[in-house]
């Protein structure tokens, strides 16, 4: 099998096979109850944000999105922005992640007046760690995770731009009532 992988990696089939491998690896993703993967990534201002420290500060919505300045992401981001008061009342901090460059995150955040950080995961470190599917080498799927005190407590692998915020608010209410 190892020789087969070497042959495929050096052939013209490399790109489609790589996407297949990423899809298979995405099936081996963290589950509710697991410790949330962490990293330190640059935010939309180019400043490092240590997620390990952040996750210890209560409840965090960590959501992955395909690309800044696209229609679906704009709907999703603005819905979260418009519900930020309700999320803060529930003590939920919001963090977005895509594989975009810091500059693209900054432009998008400023254009839409987003009150939460957008992290740049250009190397796909967290995309891989969370098992988020990739459509291309630089575009990941729309998936969301709620982390409470460092543990994954809710996962949405098929986040929809239109219903995302209401699903998150419902999940947080359910989690708070279960505790």
C-alpha atoms as a PDB file:
ATOM      1  CA  UNK A   1       0.000   0.000   0.000  1.00  0.00           C
ATOM      2  CA  UNK A   2       2.845   2.381   0.848  1.00  0.00           C
ATOM      3  CA  UNK A   3       4.391   1.907  -2.629  1.00  0.00           C
ATOM      4  CA  UNK A   4       1.004   2.505  -4.232  1.00  0.00           C
ATOM      5  CA  UNK A   5       0.669   5.808  -2.344  1.00  0.00           C
ATOM      6  CA  UNK A   6       4.138   6.881  -3.528  1.00  0.00           C
ATOM      7  CA  UNK A   7       3.253   6.079  -7.151  1.00  0.00           C
ATOM      8  CA  UNK A   8      -0.059   7.934  -6.956  1.00  0.00           C
ATOM      9  CA  UNK A   9       1.504  10.963  -5.243  1.00  0.00           C
ATOM     10  CA  UNK A  10       3.988  11.366  -8.100  1.00  0.00           C
ATOM     11  CA  UNK A  11       1.527  10.755 -10.923  1.00  0.00           C
ATOM     12  CA  UNK A  12      -1.055  12.897 -12.658  1.00  0.00           C
ATOM     13  CA  UNK A  13      -3.664  11.342 -10.338  1.00  0.00           C
ATOM     14  CA  UNK A  14      -2.161  13.053  -7.296  1.00  0.00           C
ATOM     15  CA  UNK A  15      -4.703  15.888  -6.895  1.00  0.00           C
ATOM     16  CA  UNK A  16      -7.914  13.806  -7.026  1.00  0.00           C
ATOM     17  CA  UNK A  17      -6.363  11.101  -4.853  1.00  0.00           C
ATOM     18  CA  UNK A  18      -5.228  13.676  -2.302  1.00  0.00           C
ATOM     19  CA  UNK A  19      -8.783  15.005  -2.060  1.00  0.00           C
ATOM     20  CA  UNK A  20      -9.999  11.420  -1.559  1.00  0.00           C
ATOM     21  CA  UNK A  21      -7.453  10.867   1.225  1.00  0.00           C
ATOM     22  CA  UNK A  22      -8.546  14.098   2.917  1.00  0.00           C
ATOM     23  CA  UNK A  23     -12.176  12.995   2.715  1.00  0.00           C
ATOM     24  CA  UNK A  24     -11.332   9.632   4.295  1.00  0.00           C
ATOM     25  CA  UNK A  25      -9.318  11.312   7.041  1.00  0.00           C
ATOM     26  CA  UNK A  26     -12.220  13.665   7.680  1.00  0.00           C
ATOM     27  CA  UNK A  27     -14.266  10.632   8.690  1.00  0.00           C
ATOM     28  CA  UNK A  28     -11.813  10.130  11.588  1.00  0.00           C
ATOM     29  CA  UNK A  29     -12.930  13.277  13.363  1.00  0.00           C
ATOM     30  CA  UNK A  30     -13.280  14.223  17.021  1.00  0.00           C
ATOM     31  CA  UNK A  31     -16.575  13.463  18.702  1.00  0.00           C
ATOM     32  CA  UNK A  32     -18.689  15.017  21.447  1.00  0.00           C
ATOM     33  CA  UNK A  33     -16.885  14.503  24.737  1.00  0.00           C
ATOM     34  CA  UNK A  34     -13.403  14.645  23.207  1.00  0.00           C
ATOM     35  CA  UNK A  35     -10.903  17.334  24.128  1.00  0.00           C
ATOM     36  CA  UNK A  36     -11.122  20.098  21.525  1.00  0.00           C
ATOM     37  CA  UNK A  37      -8.059  20.359  19.280  1.00  0.00           C
ATOM     38  CA  UNK A  38      -6.189  23.623  19.786  1.00  0.00           C
ATOM     39  CA  UNK A  39      -3.609  25.762  18.045  1.00  0.00           C
ATOM     40  CA  UNK A  40      -2.458  29.353  18.014  1.00  0.00           C
ATOM     41  CA  UNK A  41      -3.548  31.079  14.798  1.00  0.00           C
ATOM     42  CA  UNK A  42      -3.457  34.656  13.550  1.00  0.00           C
ATOM     43  CA  UNK A  43      -6.680  36.604  13.837  1.00  0.00           C
ATOM     44  CA  UNK A  44      -7.982  39.168  11.361  1.00  0.00           C
ATOM     45  CA  UNK A  45      -5.565  41.760  12.822  1.00  0.00           C
ATOM     46  CA  UNK A  46      -2.573  39.449  12.487  1.00  0.00           C
ATOM     47  CA  UNK A  47      -2.394  38.882  16.248  1.00  0.00           C
ATOM     48  CA  UNK A  48      -1.966  35.345  17.598  1.00  0.00           C
ATOM     49  CA  UNK A  49      -4.977  33.808  19.332  1.00  0.00           C
ATOM     50  CA  UNK A  50      -4.269  30.809  21.556  1.00  0.00           C
ATOM     51  CA  UNK A  51      -7.321  28.572  21.406  1.00  0.00           C
ATOM     52  CA  UNK A  52      -6.200  26.430  24.328  1.00  0.00           C
ATOM     53  CA  UNK A  53      -6.451  29.473  26.613  1.00  0.00           C
ATOM     54  CA  UNK A  54      -9.640  30.680  24.932  1.00  0.00           C
ATOM     55  CA  UNK A  55     -11.419  27.342  25.361  1.00  0.00           C
ATOM     56  CA  UNK A  56     -10.741  27.408  29.107  1.00  0.00           C
ATOM     57  CA  UNK A  57     -12.797  30.603  29.396  1.00  0.00           C
ATOM     58  CA  UNK A  58     -16.229  28.987  29.131  1.00  0.00           C
ATOM     59  CA  UNK A  59     -18.319  28.262  26.050  1.00  0.00           C
ATOM     60  CA  UNK A  60     -17.028  28.889  22.526  1.00  0.00           C
ATOM     61  CA  UNK A  61     -18.697  28.549  19.158  1.00  0.00           C
ATOM     62  CA  UNK A  62     -15.929  27.632  16.724  1.00  0.00           C
ATOM     63  CA  UNK A  63     -17.190  27.612  13.168  1.00  0.00           C
ATOM     64  CA  UNK A  64     -15.392  26.835   9.944  1.00  0.00           C
ATOM     65  CA  UNK A  65     -16.507  28.465   6.703  1.00  0.00           C
ATOM     66  CA  UNK A  66     -15.370  28.053   3.102  1.00  0.00           C
ATOM     67  CA  UNK A  67     -14.270  31.530   2.069  1.00  0.00           C
ATOM     68  CA  UNK A  68     -14.580  35.172   3.074  1.00  0.00           C
ATOM     69  CA  UNK A  69     -16.708  37.464   0.894  1.00  0.00           C
ATOM     70  CA  UNK A  70     -18.936  34.726  -0.488  1.00  0.00           C
ATOM     71  CA  UNK A  71     -22.729  34.755  -0.384  1.00  0.00           C
ATOM     72  CA  UNK A  72     -23.295  31.882   2.031  1.00  0.00           C
ATOM     73  CA  UNK A  73     -20.628  33.026   4.441  1.00  0.00           C
ATOM     74  CA  UNK A  74     -21.963  36.578   4.409  1.00  0.00           C
ATOM     75  CA  UNK A  75     -25.448  35.309   5.356  1.00  0.00           C
ATOM     76  CA  UNK A  76     -23.999  33.121   8.123  1.00  0.00           C
ATOM     77  CA  UNK A  77     -21.639  35.773   9.502  1.00  0.00           C
ATOM     78  CA  UNK A  78     -24.221  38.543   9.522  1.00  0.00           C
ATOM     79  CA  UNK A  79     -26.750  36.275  11.237  1.00  0.00           C
ATOM     80  CA  UNK A  80     -24.208  35.586  13.992  1.00  0.00           C
ATOM     81  CA  UNK A  81     -23.403  39.302  14.165  1.00  0.00           C
ATOM     82  CA  UNK A  82     -27.087  40.157  14.512  1.00  0.00           C
ATOM     83  CA  UNK A  83     -27.452  37.574  17.312  1.00  0.00           C
ATOM     84  CA  UNK A  84     -24.260  38.451  19.175  1.00  0.00           C
ATOM     85  CA  UNK A  85     -26.189  40.010  22.076  1.00  0.00           C
ATOM     86  CA  UNK A  86     -28.138  36.767  22.641  1.00  0.00           C
ATOM     87  CA  UNK A  87     -24.943  34.729  22.350  1.00  0.00           C
ATOM     88  CA  UNK A  88     -23.122  36.963  24.848  1.00  0.00           C
ATOM     89  CA  UNK A  89     -26.072  36.750  27.260  1.00  0.00           C
ATOM     90  CA  UNK A  90     -25.588  32.981  27.119  1.00  0.00           C
ATOM     91  CA  UNK A  91     -21.833  33.514  27.727  1.00  0.00           C
ATOM     92  CA  UNK A  92     -20.838  32.182  24.305  1.00  0.00           C
ATOM     93  CA  UNK A  93     -17.779  33.574  22.570  1.00  0.00           C
ATOM     94  CA  UNK A  94     -17.745  33.265  18.781  1.00  0.00           C
ATOM     95  CA  UNK A  95     -14.722  32.503  16.595  1.00  0.00           C
ATOM     96  CA  UNK A  96     -14.724  31.948  12.836  1.00  0.00           C
ATOM     97  CA  UNK A  97     -12.037  30.065  10.896  1.00  0.00           C
ATOM     98  CA  UNK A  98     -11.304  29.684   7.217  1.00  0.00           C
ATOM     99  CA  UNK A  99      -8.236  29.017   5.129  1.00  0.00           C
ATOM    100  CA  UNK A 100      -8.214  32.623   3.895  1.00  0.00           C
ATOM    101  CA  UNK A 101      -5.270  34.957   4.429  1.00  0.00           C
ATOM    102  CA  UNK A 102      -5.320  37.403   7.342  1.00  0.00           C
ATOM    103  CA  UNK A 103      -5.832  40.335   4.954  1.00  0.00           C
ATOM    104  CA  UNK A 104      -8.952  38.732   3.457  1.00  0.00           C
ATOM    105  CA  UNK A 105     -10.350  38.042   6.930  1.00  0.00           C
ATOM    106  CA  UNK A 106      -9.743  41.670   7.936  1.00  0.00           C
ATOM    107  CA  UNK A 107     -11.464  43.092   4.839  1.00  0.00           C
ATOM    108  CA  UNK A 108     -14.461  40.843   5.336  1.00  0.00           C
ATOM    109  CA  UNK A 109     -14.739  41.552   9.060  1.00  0.00           C
ATOM    110  CA  UNK A 110     -14.524  45.318   8.539  1.00  0.00           C
ATOM    111  CA  UNK A 111     -16.957  45.332   5.595  1.00  0.00           C
ATOM    112  CA  UNK A 112     -19.609  43.465   7.619  1.00  0.00           C
ATOM    113  CA  UNK A 113     -18.804  44.933  11.058  1.00  0.00           C
ATOM    114  CA  UNK A 114     -18.336  41.533  12.643  1.00  0.00           C
ATOM    115  CA  UNK A 115     -17.847  41.645  16.437  1.00  0.00           C
ATOM    116  CA  UNK A 116     -15.898  38.390  16.682  1.00  0.00           C
ATOM    117  CA  UNK A 117     -12.444  37.240  15.570  1.00  0.00           C
ATOM    118  CA  UNK A 118     -11.836  35.498  12.260  1.00  0.00           C
ATOM    119  CA  UNK A 119      -8.837  33.190  12.321  1.00  0.00           C
ATOM    120  CA  UNK A 120      -6.613  32.409   9.375  1.00  0.00           C
ATOM    121  CA  UNK A 121      -5.812  28.695   9.038  1.00  0.00           C
ATOM    122  CA  UNK A 122      -3.934  28.895   5.731  1.00  0.00           C
ATOM    123  CA  UNK A 123      -2.062  25.650   6.392  1.00  0.00           C
ATOM    124  CA  UNK A 124      -5.226  23.794   7.403  1.00  0.00           C
ATOM    125  CA  UNK A 125      -3.905  22.805  10.839  1.00  0.00           C
ATOM    126  CA  UNK A 126      -7.262  23.072  12.605  1.00  0.00           C
ATOM    127  CA  UNK A 127      -9.224  22.071   9.521  1.00  0.00           C
ATOM    128  CA  UNK A 128      -7.376  18.762   9.677  1.00  0.00           C
ATOM    129  CA  UNK A 129      -7.492  18.445  13.477  1.00  0.00           C
ATOM    130  CA  UNK A 130     -11.286  18.856  13.508  1.00  0.00           C
ATOM    131  CA  UNK A 131     -11.790  16.570  10.523  1.00  0.00           C
ATOM    132  CA  UNK A 132     -13.425  19.357   8.523  1.00  0.00           C
ATOM    133  CA  UNK A 133     -13.871  18.313   4.906  1.00  0.00           C
ATOM    134  CA  UNK A 134     -11.974  20.199   2.216  1.00  0.00           C
ATOM    135  CA  UNK A 135     -13.452  20.964  -1.197  1.00  0.00           C
ATOM    136  CA  UNK A 136     -10.131  22.188  -2.608  1.00  0.00           C
ATOM    137  CA  UNK A 137      -6.693  22.574  -1.031  1.00  0.00           C
ATOM    138  CA  UNK A 138      -7.704  26.064   0.243  1.00  0.00           C
ATOM    139  CA  UNK A 139     -11.486  25.812   0.759  1.00  0.00           C
ATOM    140  CA  UNK A 140     -13.017  23.875   3.646  1.00  0.00           C
ATOM    141  CA  UNK A 141     -16.583  22.911   4.460  1.00  0.00           C
ATOM    142  CA  UNK A 142     -18.998  24.811   6.684  1.00  0.00           C
ATOM    143  CA  UNK A 143     -18.916  22.995  10.045  1.00  0.00           C
ATOM    144  CA  UNK A 144     -19.473  24.163  13.626  1.00  0.00           C
ATOM    145  CA  UNK A 145     -18.398  23.089  17.093  1.00  0.00           C
ATOM    146  CA  UNK A 146     -19.407  24.218  20.547  1.00  0.00           C
ATOM    147  CA  UNK A 147     -16.646  23.824  23.081  1.00  0.00           C
ATOM    148  CA  UNK A 148     -17.206  24.094  26.799  1.00  0.00           C
ATOM    149  CA  UNK A 149     -14.194  24.259  29.101  1.00  0.00           C
ATOM    150  CA  UNK A 150     -11.982  22.562  26.532  1.00  0.00           C
ATOM    151  CA  UNK A 151     -14.383  19.726  25.596  1.00  0.00           C
ATOM    152  CA  UNK A 152     -16.479  19.304  22.462  1.00  0.00           C
ATOM    153  CA  UNK A 153     -20.131  19.388  23.515  1.00  0.00           C
ATOM    154  CA  UNK A 154     -21.920  19.905  20.162  1.00  0.00           C
ATOM    155  CA  UNK A 155     -21.001  19.331  16.521  1.00  0.00           C
ATOM    156  CA  UNK A 156     -22.769  20.347  13.315  1.00  0.00           C
ATOM    157  CA  UNK A 157     -21.053  18.800  10.288  1.00  0.00           C
ATOM    158  CA  UNK A 158     -23.588  20.268   7.849  1.00  0.00           C
ATOM    159  CA  UNK A 159     -24.005  23.857   8.973  1.00  0.00           C
ATOM    160  CA  UNK A 160     -26.421  25.805   6.796  1.00  0.00           C
ATOM    161  CA  UNK A 161     -25.904  29.560   6.387  1.00  0.00           C
ATOM    162  CA  UNK A 162     -29.614  30.288   6.878  1.00  0.00           C
ATOM    163  CA  UNK A 163     -30.315  28.102   9.922  1.00  0.00           C
ATOM    164  CA  UNK A 164     -26.896  28.060  11.563  1.00  0.00           C
ATOM    165  CA  UNK A 165     -27.461  30.720  14.204  1.00  0.00           C
ATOM    166  CA  UNK A 166     -30.830  29.360  15.341  1.00  0.00           C
ATOM    167  CA  UNK A 167     -29.358  25.849  15.594  1.00  0.00           C
ATOM    168  CA  UNK A 168     -26.470  27.196  17.687  1.00  0.00           C
ATOM    169  CA  UNK A 169     -28.792  29.119  20.020  1.00  0.00           C
ATOM    170  CA  UNK A 170     -31.009  26.040  20.435  1.00  0.00           C
ATOM    171  CA  UNK A 171     -27.976  23.851  21.130  1.00  0.00           C
ATOM    172  CA  UNK A 172     -26.647  26.279  23.747  1.00  0.00           C
ATOM    173  CA  UNK A 173     -30.069  26.423  25.451  1.00  0.00           C
ATOM    174  CA  UNK A 174     -30.218  22.634  25.522  1.00  0.00           C
ATOM    175  CA  UNK A 175     -26.679  22.332  26.875  1.00  0.00           C
ATOM    176  CA  UNK A 176     -27.367  24.906  29.608  1.00  0.00           C
ATOM    177  CA  UNK A 177     -30.615  23.169  30.623  1.00  0.00           C
ATOM    178  CA  UNK A 178     -28.853  19.774  30.762  1.00  0.00           C
ATOM    179  CA  UNK A 179     -26.272  21.129  33.238  1.00  0.00           C
END
